[in-house]
Amino acid sequence: MNKKVMRAVMALAILATVGSTSIKADASTYVPNEAYDFFLYQENEVENADYSALFIGNSITWHPVCDYWWGSWGMAASTAENDYVHKVVAGLKETYNTVDYDIISYSVWERKNVRGIALPKIDGILANDYDLVVIQLGENAKSTATFEADYEQLVQYVKAKQPNAKIVLVGDFWVYPGRDAMKINVATRQNCTYIDISDIRTNKKYQSFVGDKVYGDDGKLHKIDFPPVAIHPNDLTYQCITDRILESIK
């Protein structure tokens, strides 16, 4: 794929998860966008790669460095290599010589009032050709009145832009009545693979905690002290998600 290597941190998206705490970003990587923004972190570019993957998700997929989080990867993973995105890519590299992947941190979509408006914002990324698209979204959607229809619209939108890609939908890590069932319904109707993690999400050993220690982009060890970070998956969960995604695409 012919793509520019870029880091862009665009405001609003993760605020749906953790509130209005300000995001700190280097001036060279902070890019203010239009009214409805999303985070984009393109981490790896390989020309004419053997396999290409796109990951669309919330803070479980990717979160920028800020005043309560220290690493540019899935929140509460101890290192970049231990979040599910990097683990899936590592797994793919066991089969393919070269793997290209992009990450869209897209929790802005989880805000009910901007879902339809947010979709065209990712057209530029969806113009690339991917073999795999993983969608991990929903945990921050508190209103489910239109969630199933909106989620189906998102999946259909991605499928239309990526007709040759395998689409994988990841189930909720945080429990909310009815939301998983809605995602399963959409996966069935749209003929997408669904990754169910309901069997692990209520088990405390799969969740981070206040006092848990993680590394940051600075290479230093940090202690999680912010409860919204502490409710995220730990390395064990990220490994579980990875295993189930890789198994689904064999």
C-alpha atoms as a PDB file:
ATOM      1  CA  MET A   1       0.000   0.000   0.000  1.00  0.00           C
ATOM      2  CA  ASN A   2       1.192   3.508  -0.780  1.00  0.00           C
ATOM      3  CA  LYS A   3       0.537   5.368   2.459  1.00  0.00           C
ATOM      4  CA  LYS A   4       2.236   8.173   4.327  1.00  0.00           C
ATOM      5  CA  VAL A   5       3.727   7.277   7.672  1.00  0.00           C
ATOM      6  CA  MET A   6       1.933   9.450  10.162  1.00  0.00           C
ATOM      7  CA  ARG A   7       0.884   9.907  13.747  1.00  0.00           C
ATOM      8  CA  ALA A   8      -2.222  11.916  14.297  1.00  0.00           C
ATOM      9  CA  VAL A   9      -3.929  12.448  17.598  1.00  0.00           C
ATOM     10  CA  MET A  10      -7.332  14.010  17.113  1.00  0.00           C
ATOM     11  CA  ALA A  11      -9.381  15.288  20.050  1.00  0.00           C
ATOM     12  CA  LEU A  12     -12.670  13.987  21.502  1.00  0.00           C
ATOM     13  CA  ALA A  13     -12.461  10.254  20.889  1.00  0.00           C
ATOM     14  CA  ILE A  14     -11.215   8.766  24.113  1.00  0.00           C
ATOM     15  CA  LEU A  15     -13.012  11.352  26.220  1.00  0.00           C
ATOM     16  CA  ALA A  16     -16.076   9.131  25.911  1.00  0.00           C
ATOM     17  CA  THR A  17     -14.219   6.626  28.055  1.00  0.00           C
ATOM     18  CA  VAL A  18     -12.430   8.655  30.692  1.00  0.00           C
ATOM     19  CA  GLY A  19     -14.018  12.075  30.848  1.00  0.00           C
ATOM     20  CA  SER A  20     -12.534  15.446  30.150  1.00  0.00           C
ATOM     21  CA  THR A  21      -9.003  14.947  31.428  1.00  0.00           C
ATOM     22  CA  SER A  22      -6.757  16.736  28.984  1.00  0.00           C
ATOM     23  CA  ILE A  23      -4.658  14.782  26.514  1.00  0.00           C
ATOM     24  CA  LYS A  24      -1.022  15.730  26.335  1.00  0.00           C
ATOM     25  CA  ALA A  25       0.639  15.311  22.958  1.00  0.00           C
ATOM     26  CA  ASP A  26       3.790  16.558  21.342  1.00  0.00           C
ATOM     27  CA  ALA A  27       3.043  19.515  19.077  1.00  0.00           C
ATOM     28  CA  SER A  28       4.401  17.590  16.109  1.00  0.00           C
ATOM     29  CA  THR A  29       1.853  14.770  16.582  1.00  0.00           C
ATOM     30  CA  TYR A  30      -1.260  16.666  17.629  1.00  0.00           C
ATOM     31  CA  VAL A  31      -3.513  17.438  14.693  1.00  0.00           C
ATOM     32  CA  PRO A  32      -6.792  19.251  15.394  1.00  0.00           C
ATOM     33  CA  ASN A  33      -9.478  18.171  12.986  1.00  0.00           C
ATOM     34  CA  GLU A  34     -13.024  19.215  12.173  1.00  0.00           C
ATOM     35  CA  ALA A  35     -15.984  19.043  14.538  1.00  0.00           C
ATOM     36  CA  TYR A  36     -16.015  15.254  14.855  1.00  0.00           C
ATOM     37  CA  ASP A  37     -12.535  13.857  15.331  1.00  0.00           C
ATOM     38  CA  PHE A  38     -10.900  10.482  15.737  1.00  0.00           C
ATOM     39  CA  PHE A  39      -7.521   9.190  16.695  1.00  0.00           C
ATOM     40  CA  LEU A  40      -5.395   7.681  13.967  1.00  0.00           C
ATOM     41  CA  TYR A  41      -2.117   6.015  14.650  1.00  0.00           C
ATOM     42  CA  GLN A  42      -0.495   4.438  11.640  1.00  0.00           C
ATOM     43  CA  GLU A  43       2.331   2.530  13.170  1.00  0.00           C
ATOM     44  CA  ASN A  44       3.788   0.435  10.392  1.00  0.00           C
ATOM     45  CA  GLU A  45       4.070   0.831   6.649  1.00  0.00           C
ATOM     46  CA  VAL A  46       5.338  -1.934   4.410  1.00  0.00           C
ATOM     47  CA  GLU A  47       5.171  -1.453   0.661  1.00  0.00           C
ATOM     48  CA  ASN A  48       3.620  -4.402  -1.178  1.00  0.00           C
ATOM     49  CA  ALA A  49       3.132  -6.312   2.059  1.00  0.00           C
ATOM     50  CA  ASP A  50       2.051  -9.937   1.929  1.00  0.00           C
ATOM     51  CA  TYR A  51      -0.819  -9.189   4.336  1.00  0.00           C
ATOM     52  CA  SER A  52      -2.541  -6.005   5.467  1.00  0.00           C
ATOM     53  CA  ALA A  53      -4.716  -5.468   8.533  1.00  0.00           C
ATOM     54  CA  LEU A  54      -6.795  -2.624   9.894  1.00  0.00           C
ATOM     55  CA  PHE A  55      -7.836  -2.375  13.538  1.00  0.00           C
ATOM     56  CA  ILE A  56     -10.750  -0.061  14.422  1.00  0.00           C
ATOM     57  CA  GLY A  57     -11.491   0.293  18.116  1.00  0.00           C
ATOM     58  CA  ASN A  58     -11.564   2.271  21.315  1.00  0.00           C
ATOM     59  CA  SER A  59      -8.974   2.501  24.091  1.00  0.00           C
ATOM     60  CA  ILE A  60      -8.739  -1.302  24.209  1.00  0.00           C
ATOM     61  CA  THR A  61      -7.314  -1.102  20.688  1.00  0.00           C
ATOM     62  CA  TRP A  62      -5.171   2.017  21.078  1.00  0.00           C
ATOM     63  CA  HIS A  63      -4.821   5.001  23.387  1.00  0.00           C
ATOM     64  CA  PRO A  64      -2.359   7.880  23.131  1.00  0.00           C
ATOM     65  CA  VAL A  65      -0.014   8.980  25.871  1.00  0.00           C
ATOM     66  CA  CYS A  66      -1.731  11.369  28.279  1.00  0.00           C
ATOM     67  CA  ASP A  67      -1.591  12.421  31.911  1.00  0.00           C
ATOM     68  CA  TYR A  68      -3.123   9.147  33.140  1.00  0.00           C
ATOM     69  CA  TRP A  69      -1.659   6.724  30.585  1.00  0.00           C
ATOM     70  CA  TRP A  70       1.926   6.317  29.394  1.00  0.00           C
ATOM     71  CA  GLY A  71       2.018   4.087  26.325  1.00  0.00           C
ATOM     72  CA  SER A  72       0.809   4.395  22.731  1.00  0.00           C
ATOM     73  CA  TRP A  73      -1.043   1.082  22.660  1.00  0.00           C
ATOM     74  CA  GLY A  74      -4.056  -0.769  24.095  1.00  0.00           C
ATOM     75  CA  MET A  75      -4.815   0.621  27.519  1.00  0.00           C
ATOM     76  CA  ALA A  76      -3.562  -1.363  30.554  1.00  0.00           C
ATOM     77  CA  ALA A  77      -1.385  -3.685  28.461  1.00  0.00           C
ATOM     78  CA  SER A  78       2.022  -3.820  30.140  1.00  0.00           C
ATOM     79  CA  THR A  79       3.860  -3.047  26.887  1.00  0.00           C
ATOM     80  CA  ALA A  80       2.988  -2.411  23.249  1.00  0.00           C
ATOM     81  CA  GLU A  81       3.960  -5.993  22.432  1.00  0.00           C
ATOM     82  CA  ASN A  82       1.353  -7.274  24.895  1.00  0.00           C
ATOM     83  CA  ASP A  83      -1.776  -5.609  23.533  1.00  0.00           C
ATOM     84  CA  TYR A  84      -3.982  -7.564  21.142  1.00  0.00           C
ATOM     85  CA  VAL A  85      -3.136  -5.509  18.033  1.00  0.00           C
ATOM     86  CA  HIS A  86       0.601  -6.102  18.296  1.00  0.00           C
ATOM     87  CA  LYS A  87       0.083  -9.729  19.270  1.00  0.00           C
ATOM     88  CA  VAL A  88      -2.180 -10.355  16.270  1.00  0.00           C
ATOM     89  CA  VAL A  89       0.387  -8.728  13.984  1.00  0.00           C
ATOM     90  CA  ALA A  90       3.141 -10.857  15.529  1.00  0.00           C
ATOM     91  CA  GLY A  91       1.001 -13.937  14.930  1.00  0.00           C
ATOM     92  CA  LEU A  92       0.397 -12.970  11.313  1.00  0.00           C
ATOM     93  CA  LYS A  93       4.138 -12.589  10.788  1.00  0.00           C
ATOM     94  CA  GLU A  94       4.537 -16.265  11.625  1.00  0.00           C
ATOM     95  CA  THR A  95       2.617 -16.980   8.411  1.00  0.00           C
ATOM     96  CA  TYR A  96       3.398 -13.986   6.204  1.00  0.00           C
ATOM     97  CA  ASN A  97       6.837 -12.524   5.537  1.00  0.00           C
ATOM     98  CA  THR A  98       5.618  -8.941   5.635  1.00  0.00           C
ATOM     99  CA  VAL A  99       2.578  -7.472   7.390  1.00  0.00           C
ATOM    100  CA  ASP A 100       1.296  -3.922   7.075  1.00  0.00           C
ATOM    101  CA  TYR A 101      -1.225  -2.632   9.590  1.00  0.00           C
ATOM    102  CA  ASP A 102      -3.086   0.518  10.542  1.00  0.00           C
ATOM    103  CA  ILE A 103      -4.909   1.430  13.749  1.00  0.00           C
ATOM    104  CA  ILE A 104      -7.889   3.761  14.044  1.00  0.00           C
ATOM    105  CA  SER A 105      -8.834   4.684  17.594  1.00  0.00           C
ATOM    106  CA  TYR A 106     -12.455   5.476  16.912  1.00  0.00           C
ATOM    107  CA  SER A 107     -14.326   5.708  20.197  1.00  0.00           C
ATOM    108  CA  VAL A 108     -15.888   8.927  18.948  1.00  0.00           C
ATOM    109  CA  TRP A 109     -18.216   6.629  16.982  1.00  0.00           C
ATOM    110  CA  GLU A 110     -19.556   5.297  20.285  1.00  0.00           C
ATOM    111  CA  ARG A 111     -21.189   8.677  20.905  1.00  0.00           C
ATOM    112  CA  LYS A 112     -24.744   8.182  19.689  1.00  0.00           C
ATOM    113  CA  ASN A 113     -25.184  11.680  18.230  1.00  0.00           C
ATOM    114  CA  VAL A 114     -22.166  11.503  15.882  1.00  0.00           C
ATOM    115  CA  ARG A 115     -22.126   7.920  14.618  1.00  0.00           C
ATOM    116  CA  GLY A 116     -23.362   8.592  11.097  1.00  0.00           C
ATOM    117  CA  ILE A 117     -21.351  11.785  10.793  1.00  0.00           C
ATOM    118  CA  ALA A 118     -18.166  10.044  11.932  1.00  0.00           C
ATOM    119  CA  LEU A 119     -18.234   7.358   9.241  1.00  0.00           C
ATOM    120  CA  PRO A 120     -16.939   9.455   6.297  1.00  0.00           C
ATOM    121  CA  LYS A 121     -14.008  10.573   8.448  1.00  0.00           C
ATOM    122  CA  ILE A 122     -12.338   7.195   7.908  1.00  0.00           C
ATOM    123  CA  ASP A 123     -12.817   7.089   4.125  1.00  0.00           C
ATOM    124  CA  GLY A 124      -9.174   7.966   3.533  1.00  0.00           C
ATOM    125  CA  ILE A 125      -7.990   4.947   5.472  1.00  0.00           C
ATOM    126  CA  LEU A 126     -10.652   2.673   4.018  1.00  0.00           C
ATOM    127  CA  ALA A 127      -9.398   3.581   0.538  1.00  0.00           C
ATOM    128  CA  ASN A 128      -6.496   1.212   1.228  1.00  0.00           C
ATOM    129  CA  ASP A 129      -6.904  -2.499   0.590  1.00  0.00           C
ATOM    130  CA  TYR A 130      -6.898  -4.762   3.656  1.00  0.00           C
ATOM    131  CA  ASP A 131      -7.024  -8.498   4.063  1.00  0.00           C
ATOM    132  CA  LEU A 132      -8.368  -8.219   7.603  1.00  0.00           C
ATOM    133  CA  VAL A 133     -10.452  -5.608   9.390  1.00  0.00           C
ATOM    134  CA  VAL A 134     -11.014  -6.006  13.129  1.00  0.00           C
ATOM    135  CA  ILE A 135     -13.752  -3.856  14.698  1.00  0.00           C
ATOM    136  CA  GLN A 136     -13.606  -3.568  18.482  1.00  0.00           C
ATOM    137  CA  LEU A 137     -16.179  -0.976  19.505  1.00  0.00           C
ATOM    138  CA  GLY A 138     -19.193  -0.598  21.785  1.00  0.00           C
ATOM    139  CA  GLU A 139     -17.977  -0.543  25.373  1.00  0.00           C
ATOM    140  CA  ASN A 140     -18.556   3.210  25.719  1.00  0.00           C
ATOM    141  CA  ALA A 141     -22.007   3.222  24.101  1.00  0.00           C
ATOM    142  CA  LYS A 142     -24.333   3.757  27.068  1.00  0.00           C
ATOM    143  CA  SER A 143     -27.489   4.286  25.054  1.00  0.00           C
ATOM    144  CA  THR A 144     -28.541   1.183  23.150  1.00  0.00           C
ATOM    145  CA  ALA A 145     -31.800   2.527  21.713  1.00  0.00           C
ATOM    146  CA  THR A 146     -30.335   2.675  18.196  1.00  0.00           C
ATOM    147  CA  PHE A 147     -27.102   0.787  18.842  1.00  0.00           C
ATOM    148  CA  GLU A 148     -27.897  -2.330  16.813  1.00  0.00           C
ATOM    149  CA  ALA A 149     -28.931  -0.334  13.742  1.00  0.00           C
ATOM    150  CA  ASP A 150     -25.966   2.011  14.108  1.00  0.00           C
ATOM    151  CA  TYR A 151     -23.511  -0.855  14.602  1.00  0.00           C
ATOM    152  CA  GLU A 152     -24.887  -2.592  11.537  1.00  0.00           C
ATOM    153  CA  GLN A 153     -24.515   0.633   9.570  1.00  0.00           C
ATOM    154  CA  LEU A 154     -20.860   0.800  10.639  1.00  0.00           C
ATOM    155  CA  VAL A 155     -20.201  -2.802   9.646  1.00  0.00           C
ATOM    156  CA  GLN A 156     -21.975  -2.374   6.315  1.00  0.00           C
ATOM    157  CA  TYR A 157     -20.010   0.802   5.655  1.00  0.00           C
ATOM    158  CA  VAL A 158     -16.693  -0.937   6.269  1.00  0.00           C
ATOM    159  CA  LYS A 159     -17.731  -3.986   4.232  1.00  0.00           C
ATOM    160  CA  ALA A 160     -18.692  -1.797   1.271  1.00  0.00           C
ATOM    161  CA  LYS A 161     -15.282  -0.129   1.350  1.00  0.00           C
ATOM    162  CA  GLN A 162     -13.446  -3.426   1.965  1.00  0.00           C
ATOM    163  CA  PRO A 163     -15.301  -6.043  -0.097  1.00  0.00           C
ATOM    164  CA  ASN A 164     -12.371  -8.480  -0.108  1.00  0.00           C
ATOM    165  CA  ALA A 165     -11.413  -8.234   3.563  1.00  0.00           C
ATOM    166  CA  LYS A 166     -12.330 -10.644   6.312  1.00  0.00           C
ATOM    167  CA  ILE A 167     -14.321  -8.657   8.882  1.00  0.00           C
ATOM    168  CA  VAL A 168     -13.951  -9.686  12.528  1.00  0.00           C
ATOM    169  CA  LEU A 169     -16.134  -8.187  15.267  1.00  0.00           C
ATOM    170  CA  VAL A 170     -14.951  -8.323  18.883  1.00  0.00           C
ATOM    171  CA  GLY A 171     -17.462  -8.720  21.700  1.00  0.00           C
ATOM    172  CA  ASP A 172     -17.716  -6.422  24.703  1.00  0.00           C
ATOM    173  CA  PHE A 173     -15.236  -6.524  27.550  1.00  0.00           C
ATOM    174  CA  TRP A 174     -17.461  -4.400  29.787  1.00  0.00           C
ATOM    175  CA  VAL A 175     -20.896  -5.834  30.493  1.00  0.00           C
ATOM    176  CA  TYR A 176     -23.923  -3.826  29.402  1.00  0.00           C
ATOM    177  CA  PRO A 177     -27.381  -5.421  29.079  1.00  0.00           C
ATOM    178  CA  GLY A 178     -28.231  -6.452  25.541  1.00  0.00           C
ATOM    179  CA  ARG A 179     -25.270  -4.915  23.774  1.00  0.00           C
ATOM    180  CA  ASP A 180     -23.435  -8.165  23.064  1.00  0.00           C
ATOM    181  CA  ALA A 181     -26.608  -9.741  21.704  1.00  0.00           C
ATOM    182  CA  MET A 182     -27.011  -6.821  19.321  1.00  0.00           C
ATOM    183  CA  LYS A 183     -23.459  -7.252  18.055  1.00  0.00           C
ATOM    184  CA  ILE A 184     -24.003 -10.982  17.591  1.00  0.00           C
ATOM    185  CA  ASN A 185     -27.174 -10.269  15.605  1.00  0.00           C
ATOM    186  CA  VAL A 186     -25.253  -7.928  13.315  1.00  0.00           C
ATOM    187  CA  ALA A 187     -22.395 -10.403  12.895  1.00  0.00           C
ATOM    188  CA  THR A 188     -24.896 -13.084  11.872  1.00  0.00           C
ATOM    189  CA  ARG A 189     -26.771 -10.904   9.397  1.00  0.00           C
ATOM    190  CA  GLN A 190     -23.588  -9.467   7.889  1.00  0.00           C
ATOM    191  CA  ASN A 191     -21.782 -12.814   7.764  1.00  0.00           C
ATOM    192  CA  CYS A 192     -18.906 -11.561   9.919  1.00  0.00           C
ATOM    193  CA  THR A 193     -16.809 -13.496  12.413  1.00  0.00           C
ATOM    194  CA  TYR A 194     -17.699 -12.711  16.017  1.00  0.00           C
ATOM    195  CA  ILE A 195     -15.132 -12.996  18.810  1.00  0.00           C
ATOM    196  CA  ASP A 196     -16.964 -13.750  22.052  1.00  0.00           C
ATOM    197  CA  ILE A 197     -15.094 -12.831  25.254  1.00  0.00           C
ATOM    198  CA  SER A 198     -18.053 -13.042  27.628  1.00  0.00           C
ATOM    199  CA  ASP A 199     -16.511 -16.060  29.352  1.00  0.00           C
ATOM    200  CA  ILE A 200     -13.543 -14.066  30.683  1.00  0.00           C
ATOM    201  CA  ARG A 201     -14.731 -10.526  31.247  1.00  0.00           C
ATOM    202  CA  THR A 202     -16.226 -11.067  34.690  1.00  0.00           C
ATOM    203  CA  ASN A 203     -13.158 -12.907  35.935  1.00  0.00           C
ATOM    204  CA  LYS A 204     -10.943 -10.505  37.881  1.00  0.00           C
ATOM    205  CA  LYS A 205      -7.767 -12.236  36.769  1.00  0.00           C
ATOM    206  CA  TYR A 206      -8.447 -10.896  33.266  1.00  0.00           C
ATOM    207  CA  GLN A 207      -8.719  -7.267  34.408  1.00  0.00           C
ATOM    208  CA  SER A 208      -6.086  -4.753  35.366  1.00  0.00           C
ATOM    209  CA  PHE A 209      -6.264  -3.051  38.771  1.00  0.00           C
ATOM    210  CA  VAL A 210      -5.182   0.066  40.625  1.00  0.00           C
ATOM    211  CA  GLY A 211      -1.538  -0.539  41.490  1.00  0.00           C
ATOM    212  CA  ASP A 212      -0.856  -2.691  38.433  1.00  0.00           C
ATOM    213  CA  LYS A 213       2.461  -1.843  36.772  1.00  0.00           C
ATOM    214  CA  VAL A 214       2.971  -1.100  33.091  1.00  0.00           C
ATOM    215  CA  TYR A 215       5.719   0.346  30.934  1.00  0.00           C
ATOM    216  CA  GLY A 216       5.380   3.547  28.932  1.00  0.00           C
ATOM    217  CA  ASP A 217       6.772   5.017  25.742  1.00  0.00           C
ATOM    218  CA  ASP A 218       9.502   6.483  27.954  1.00  0.00           C
ATOM    219  CA  GLY A 219      10.719   2.982  28.799  1.00  0.00           C
ATOM    220  CA  LYS A 220       9.938   3.506  32.475  1.00  0.00           C
ATOM    221  CA  LEU A 221       7.721   1.415  34.741  1.00  0.00           C
ATOM    222  CA  HIS A 222       4.524   3.163  35.863  1.00  0.00           C
ATOM    223  CA  LYS A 223       1.830   2.290  38.393  1.00  0.00           C
ATOM    224  CA  ILE A 224      -1.819   2.528  37.318  1.00  0.00           C
ATOM    225  CA  ASP A 225      -3.591   4.889  39.718  1.00  0.00           C
ATOM    226  CA  PHE A 226      -6.630   5.998  37.683  1.00  0.00           C
ATOM    227  CA  PRO A 227      -9.690   3.705  38.117  1.00  0.00           C
ATOM    228  CA  PRO A 228     -10.973   4.093  34.521  1.00  0.00           C
ATOM    229  CA  VAL A 229      -7.625   2.753  33.317  1.00  0.00           C
ATOM    230  CA  ALA A 230      -7.697  -0.051  35.880  1.00  0.00           C
ATOM    231  CA  ILE A 231     -10.946  -1.521  34.500  1.00  0.00           C
ATOM    232  CA  HIS A 232      -9.299  -2.267  31.164  1.00  0.00           C
ATOM    233  CA  PRO A 233      -8.068  -5.701  30.063  1.00  0.00           C
ATOM    234  CA  ASN A 234      -4.716  -6.954  31.281  1.00  0.00           C
ATOM    235  CA  ASP A 235      -2.136  -8.920  29.282  1.00  0.00           C
ATOM    236  CA  LEU A 236      -4.022 -12.171  29.861  1.00  0.00           C
ATOM    237  CA  THR A 237      -7.157 -10.809  28.204  1.00  0.00           C
ATOM    238  CA  TYR A 238      -5.203  -9.339  25.311  1.00  0.00           C
ATOM    239  CA  GLN A 239      -3.647 -12.760  24.728  1.00  0.00           C
ATOM    240  CA  CYS A 240      -7.086 -14.368  24.789  1.00  0.00           C
ATOM    241  CA  ILE A 241      -8.475 -11.904  22.242  1.00  0.00           C
ATOM    242  CA  THR A 242      -5.409 -12.472  20.079  1.00  0.00           C
ATOM    243  CA  ASP A 243      -5.738 -16.251  20.149  1.00  0.00           C
ATOM    244  CA  ARG A 244      -9.392 -16.104  19.164  1.00  0.00           C
ATOM    245  CA  ILE A 245      -8.801 -13.656  16.305  1.00  0.00           C
ATOM    246  CA  LEU A 246      -5.912 -15.679  14.906  1.00  0.00           C
ATOM    247  CA  GLU A 247      -7.907 -18.905  15.198  1.00  0.00           C
ATOM    248  CA  SER A 248     -10.801 -17.295  13.303  1.00  0.00           C
ATOM    249  CA  ILE A 249      -8.663 -16.357  10.300  1.00  0.00           C
ATOM    250  CA  LYS A 250      -6.866 -19.661   9.782  1.00  0.00           C
END
